[in-house]
Amino acid sequence: MAETQTKADLSYIASVTRVRAAAGVILRDQAGRVLLVHPTYTDVWEVPGGTVEPDESPADACTRETREELGLSIPAGALLCVDWVPASPPWDGGLMFVFDGGVLTADQIAAMRLCPDELDGFEFIEPERLDEVLIPRLARRVAAAVAAIGRGGVYLEGGTAPSAT
């Protein structure tokens, strides 16, 4: 069945909520530790990733950011989670996508080259220590993403699965 075009209702389109989007990747070493990176522009640790650019899919953003930040060409794997982050002015609400990048080989780790304009360090952290290193919301998101590996993606709000009503 072919898609049909209808005349756009511009006033309705202008009223629709817009959200920011970002994509990150869970990369692990052979011991199961999670790769965290330290951006040059902030004092907190994060997972590799970044903002989705105009007309870019979250999966493509994940792949691009991994290449730009780490010098690794790793396609985004399975979607591990989508996390709704409520607005926190000046930021609008957002959807944070986290993908599985798999387990890195020793050669891939040795080949990593941090983009000096964006990152000044990396470390592999045991999953049970994520809350010691990451801000709370991101620690919850990354822990949920790690738990979802091989099980299917999860939906989160502020890093936590919403309670069933």
C-alpha atoms as a PDB file:
ATOM      1  CA  MET A   1       0.000   0.000   0.000  1.00  0.00           C
ATOM      2  CA  ALA A   2       1.414   3.382  -0.982  1.00  0.00           C
ATOM      3  CA  GLU A   3       1.729   6.214   1.493  1.00  0.00           C
ATOM      4  CA  THR A   4      -0.508   9.163   0.736  1.00  0.00           C
ATOM      5  CA  GLN A   5       0.411  12.775   1.229  1.00  0.00           C
ATOM      6  CA  THR A   6      -2.050  15.028   2.939  1.00  0.00           C
ATOM      7  CA  LYS A   7      -1.843  18.769   3.139  1.00  0.00           C
ATOM      8  CA  ALA A   8       0.238  19.732   6.169  1.00  0.00           C
ATOM      9  CA  ASP A   9      -1.509  21.626   8.962  1.00  0.00           C
ATOM     10  CA  LEU A  10       1.304  24.050   9.741  1.00  0.00           C
ATOM     11  CA  SER A  11      -0.306  25.436  12.891  1.00  0.00           C
ATOM     12  CA  TYR A  12      -0.657  21.916  14.291  1.00  0.00           C
ATOM     13  CA  ILE A  13       2.935  21.046  13.345  1.00  0.00           C
ATOM     14  CA  ALA A  14       4.160  24.218  15.092  1.00  0.00           C
ATOM     15  CA  SER A  15       2.339  23.138  18.275  1.00  0.00           C
ATOM     16  CA  VAL A  16       3.854  19.647  18.468  1.00  0.00           C
ATOM     17  CA  THR A  17       6.366  19.099  21.264  1.00  0.00           C
ATOM     18  CA  ARG A  18       9.950  18.891  20.104  1.00  0.00           C
ATOM     19  CA  VAL A  19      12.620  17.046  22.054  1.00  0.00           C
ATOM     20  CA  ARG A  20      16.356  16.790  21.857  1.00  0.00           C
ATOM     21  CA  ALA A  21      17.921  13.407  21.210  1.00  0.00           C
ATOM     22  CA  ALA A  22      21.277  11.873  22.010  1.00  0.00           C
ATOM     23  CA  ALA A  23      22.811   8.461  21.487  1.00  0.00           C
ATOM     24  CA  GLY A  24      25.410   6.579  23.463  1.00  0.00           C
ATOM     25  CA  VAL A  25      27.088   3.209  23.267  1.00  0.00           C
ATOM     26  CA  ILE A  26      27.943   0.539  25.806  1.00  0.00           C
ATOM     27  CA  LEU A  27      31.379  -0.851  24.982  1.00  0.00           C
ATOM     28  CA  ARG A  28      32.919  -3.490  27.226  1.00  0.00           C
ATOM     29  CA  ASP A  29      36.316  -5.085  27.635  1.00  0.00           C
ATOM     30  CA  GLN A  30      36.939  -8.839  27.885  1.00  0.00           C
ATOM     31  CA  ALA A  31      36.410  -8.647  31.677  1.00  0.00           C
ATOM     32  CA  GLY A  32      32.911  -7.150  31.220  1.00  0.00           C
ATOM     33  CA  ARG A  33      33.889  -3.687  32.401  1.00  0.00           C
ATOM     34  CA  VAL A  34      32.123  -0.704  30.775  1.00  0.00           C
ATOM     35  CA  LEU A  35      34.052   1.952  28.862  1.00  0.00           C
ATOM     36  CA  LEU A  36      33.548   5.450  30.262  1.00  0.00           C
ATOM     37  CA  VAL A  37      35.029   8.600  28.793  1.00  0.00           C
ATOM     38  CA  HIS A  38      35.918  11.956  30.315  1.00  0.00           C
ATOM     39  CA  PRO A  39      34.892  14.933  28.146  1.00  0.00           C
ATOM     40  CA  THR A  40      37.146  17.989  28.101  1.00  0.00           C
ATOM     41  CA  TYR A  41      34.189  20.356  28.549  1.00  0.00           C
ATOM     42  CA  THR A  42      32.790  18.976  31.821  1.00  0.00           C
ATOM     43  CA  ASP A  43      33.933  17.432  35.067  1.00  0.00           C
ATOM     44  CA  VAL A  44      31.772  14.287  34.831  1.00  0.00           C
ATOM     45  CA  TRP A  45      32.307  10.901  33.192  1.00  0.00           C
ATOM     46  CA  GLU A  46      29.999   9.643  30.433  1.00  0.00           C
ATOM     47  CA  VAL A  47      29.596   6.819  27.940  1.00  0.00           C
ATOM     48  CA  PRO A  48      30.816   7.513  24.399  1.00  0.00           C
ATOM     49  CA  GLY A  49      28.150   9.281  22.367  1.00  0.00           C
ATOM     50  CA  GLY A  50      26.540  12.617  21.783  1.00  0.00           C
ATOM     51  CA  THR A  51      23.775  14.665  20.276  1.00  0.00           C
ATOM     52  CA  VAL A  52      21.815  13.442  17.282  1.00  0.00           C
ATOM     53  CA  GLU A  53      22.364  15.892  14.427  1.00  0.00           C
ATOM     54  CA  PRO A  54      19.585  17.142  12.104  1.00  0.00           C
ATOM     55  CA  ASP A  55      18.330  14.411   9.749  1.00  0.00           C
ATOM     56  CA  GLU A  56      20.480  11.775  11.508  1.00  0.00           C
ATOM     57  CA  SER A  57      19.086   8.658  13.127  1.00  0.00           C
ATOM     58  CA  PRO A  58      20.076   7.804  16.703  1.00  0.00           C
ATOM     59  CA  ALA A  59      21.885   4.658  15.459  1.00  0.00           C
ATOM     60  CA  ASP A  60      23.845   6.693  12.907  1.00  0.00           C
ATOM     61  CA  ALA A  61      24.691   9.273  15.594  1.00  0.00           C
ATOM     62  CA  CYS A  62      26.003   6.497  17.827  1.00  0.00           C
ATOM     63  CA  THR A  63      28.229   5.128  15.060  1.00  0.00           C
ATOM     64  CA  ARG A  64      29.455   8.617  14.111  1.00  0.00           C
ATOM     65  CA  GLU A  65      30.228   9.601  17.698  1.00  0.00           C
ATOM     66  CA  THR A  66      32.152   6.363  18.326  1.00  0.00           C
ATOM     67  CA  ARG A  67      34.266   7.048  15.249  1.00  0.00           C
ATOM     68  CA  GLU A  68      34.796  10.740  16.103  1.00  0.00           C
ATOM     69  CA  GLU A  69      35.488  10.322  19.805  1.00  0.00           C
ATOM     70  CA  LEU A  70      37.412   7.041  19.859  1.00  0.00           C
ATOM     71  CA  GLY A  71      38.608   6.499  16.301  1.00  0.00           C
ATOM     72  CA  LEU A  72      36.726   3.180  16.164  1.00  0.00           C
ATOM     73  CA  SER A  73      34.398   2.127  13.347  1.00  0.00           C
ATOM     74  CA  ILE A  74      31.809   0.144  15.264  1.00  0.00           C
ATOM     75  CA  PRO A  75      28.197   0.105  14.092  1.00  0.00           C
ATOM     76  CA  ALA A  76      25.462   0.613  16.655  1.00  0.00           C
ATOM     77  CA  GLY A  77      24.259  -2.785  17.785  1.00  0.00           C
ATOM     78  CA  ALA A  78      21.015  -3.678  19.503  1.00  0.00           C
ATOM     79  CA  LEU A  79      19.056  -0.909  21.193  1.00  0.00           C
ATOM     80  CA  LEU A  80      19.494  -1.400  24.950  1.00  0.00           C
ATOM     81  CA  CYS A  81      17.356   1.453  26.250  1.00  0.00           C
ATOM     82  CA  VAL A  82      15.536   4.670  25.535  1.00  0.00           C
ATOM     83  CA  ASP A  83      15.506   7.060  28.473  1.00  0.00           C
ATOM     84  CA  TRP A  84      13.100   9.998  28.631  1.00  0.00           C
ATOM     85  CA  VAL A  85      14.847  12.884  30.393  1.00  0.00           C
ATOM     86  CA  PRO A  86      12.486  15.623  31.555  1.00  0.00           C
ATOM     87  CA  ALA A  87      13.220  19.242  30.782  1.00  0.00           C
ATOM     88  CA  SER A  88      15.785  20.942  32.973  1.00  0.00           C
ATOM     89  CA  PRO A  89      16.101  24.536  31.765  1.00  0.00           C
ATOM     90  CA  PRO A  90      17.814  25.632  29.697  1.00  0.00           C
ATOM     91  CA  TRP A  91      17.538  22.087  28.262  1.00  0.00           C
ATOM     92  CA  ASP A  92      14.318  20.768  26.766  1.00  0.00           C
ATOM     93  CA  GLY A  93      13.205  17.243  27.542  1.00  0.00           C
ATOM     94  CA  GLY A  94      15.001  14.569  25.595  1.00  0.00           C
ATOM     95  CA  LEU A  95      15.209  10.993  24.462  1.00  0.00           C
ATOM     96  CA  MET A  96      18.520   9.296  25.201  1.00  0.00           C
ATOM     97  CA  PHE A  97      19.186   6.163  23.137  1.00  0.00           C
ATOM     98  CA  VAL A  98      21.780   3.624  24.305  1.00  0.00           C
ATOM     99  CA  PHE A  99      23.076   0.940  21.946  1.00  0.00           C
ATOM    100  CA  ASP A 100      25.198  -2.164  22.453  1.00  0.00           C
ATOM    101  CA  GLY A 101      28.647  -1.760  20.923  1.00  0.00           C
ATOM    102  CA  GLY A 102      29.796  -5.189  22.040  1.00  0.00           C
ATOM    103  CA  VAL A 103      33.029  -6.387  23.577  1.00  0.00           C
ATOM    104  CA  LEU A 104      36.209  -4.704  22.386  1.00  0.00           C
ATOM    105  CA  THR A 105      39.252  -6.784  21.539  1.00  0.00           C
ATOM    106  CA  ALA A 106      42.666  -5.939  22.960  1.00  0.00           C
ATOM    107  CA  ASP A 107      43.643  -4.688  19.483  1.00  0.00           C
ATOM    108  CA  GLN A 108      40.621  -2.357  19.319  1.00  0.00           C
ATOM    109  CA  ILE A 109      41.414  -0.948  22.763  1.00  0.00           C
ATOM    110  CA  ALA A 110      45.045  -0.384  21.740  1.00  0.00           C
ATOM    111  CA  ALA A 111      43.858   1.327  18.533  1.00  0.00           C
ATOM    112  CA  MET A 112      41.539   3.789  20.316  1.00  0.00           C
ATOM    113  CA  ARG A 113      42.507   7.399  19.687  1.00  0.00           C
ATOM    114  CA  LEU A 114      40.654   9.962  21.755  1.00  0.00           C
ATOM    115  CA  CYS A 115      39.574  13.129  19.970  1.00  0.00           C
ATOM    116  CA  PRO A 116      41.592  15.736  21.932  1.00  0.00           C
ATOM    117  CA  ASP A 117      38.945  18.423  21.368  1.00  0.00           C
ATOM    118  CA  GLU A 118      36.315  16.265  23.055  1.00  0.00           C
ATOM    119  CA  LEU A 119      37.908  13.719  25.417  1.00  0.00           C
ATOM    120  CA  ASP A 120      40.876  13.697  27.758  1.00  0.00           C
ATOM    121  CA  GLY A 121      40.566  10.235  29.258  1.00  0.00           C
ATOM    122  CA  PHE A 122      38.879   6.855  29.350  1.00  0.00           C
ATOM    123  CA  GLU A 123      38.557   4.043  31.841  1.00  0.00           C
ATOM    124  CA  PHE A 124      36.901   0.653  32.006  1.00  0.00           C
ATOM    125  CA  ILE A 125      34.675   0.412  35.101  1.00  0.00           C
ATOM    126  CA  GLU A 126      33.051  -2.633  36.674  1.00  0.00           C
ATOM    127  CA  PRO A 127      29.251  -2.431  36.271  1.00  0.00           C
ATOM    128  CA  GLU A 128      28.744  -2.567  40.043  1.00  0.00           C
ATOM    129  CA  ARG A 129      30.871   0.605  40.411  1.00  0.00           C
ATOM    130  CA  LEU A 130      28.994   2.772  37.880  1.00  0.00           C
ATOM    131  CA  ASP A 131      27.198   4.710  40.625  1.00  0.00           C
ATOM    132  CA  GLU A 132      30.580   5.689  42.103  1.00  0.00           C
ATOM    133  CA  VAL A 133      31.723   7.317  38.862  1.00  0.00           C
ATOM    134  CA  LEU A 134      28.650   8.548  36.941  1.00  0.00           C
ATOM    135  CA  ILE A 135      26.016  11.089  37.906  1.00  0.00           C
ATOM    136  CA  PRO A 136      23.010   9.232  39.396  1.00  0.00           C
ATOM    137  CA  ARG A 137      20.641   9.446  36.411  1.00  0.00           C
ATOM    138  CA  LEU A 138      23.340   8.272  33.990  1.00  0.00           C
ATOM    139  CA  ALA A 139      24.480   5.526  36.372  1.00  0.00           C
ATOM    140  CA  ARG A 140      20.904   4.188  36.462  1.00  0.00           C
ATOM    141  CA  ARG A 141      20.618   4.415  32.660  1.00  0.00           C
ATOM    142  CA  VAL A 142      23.931   2.639  32.021  1.00  0.00           C
ATOM    143  CA  ALA A 143      23.183  -0.058  34.619  1.00  0.00           C
ATOM    144  CA  ALA A 144      19.784  -0.696  33.004  1.00  0.00           C
ATOM    145  CA  ALA A 145      21.411  -0.814  29.556  1.00  0.00           C
ATOM    146  CA  VAL A 146      24.035  -3.312  30.725  1.00  0.00           C
ATOM    147  CA  ALA A 147      21.307  -5.451  32.315  1.00  0.00           C
ATOM    148  CA  ALA A 148      19.396  -5.405  28.999  1.00  0.00           C
ATOM    149  CA  ILE A 149      22.275  -6.872  26.971  1.00  0.00           C
ATOM    150  CA  GLY A 150      20.962  -9.994  25.250  1.00  0.00           C
ATOM    151  CA  ARG A 151      17.470  -9.498  26.700  1.00  0.00           C
ATOM    152  CA  GLY A 152      15.955  -6.706  24.622  1.00  0.00           C
ATOM    153  CA  GLY A 153      15.670  -2.978  25.116  1.00  0.00           C
ATOM    154  CA  VAL A 154      13.993  -1.208  28.014  1.00  0.00           C
ATOM    155  CA  TYR A 155      12.149   2.084  28.386  1.00  0.00           C
ATOM    156  CA  LEU A 156      13.248   4.414  31.181  1.00  0.00           C
ATOM    157  CA  GLU A 157      12.250   7.776  32.583  1.00  0.00           C
ATOM    158  CA  GLY A 158      15.074   9.640  34.255  1.00  0.00           C
ATOM    159  CA  GLY A 159      17.099   6.450  34.311  1.00  0.00           C
ATOM    160  CA  THR A 160      14.410   4.373  36.014  1.00  0.00           C
ATOM    161  CA  ALA A 161      11.771   2.027  34.630  1.00  0.00           C
ATOM    162  CA  PRO A 162       8.343   3.602  35.240  1.00  0.00           C
ATOM    163  CA  SER A 163       6.193   1.732  37.711  1.00  0.00           C
ATOM    164  CA  ALA A 164       3.244  -0.216  36.375  1.00  0.00           C
ATOM    165  CA  THR A 165      -0.136   1.276  37.229  1.00  0.00           C
END
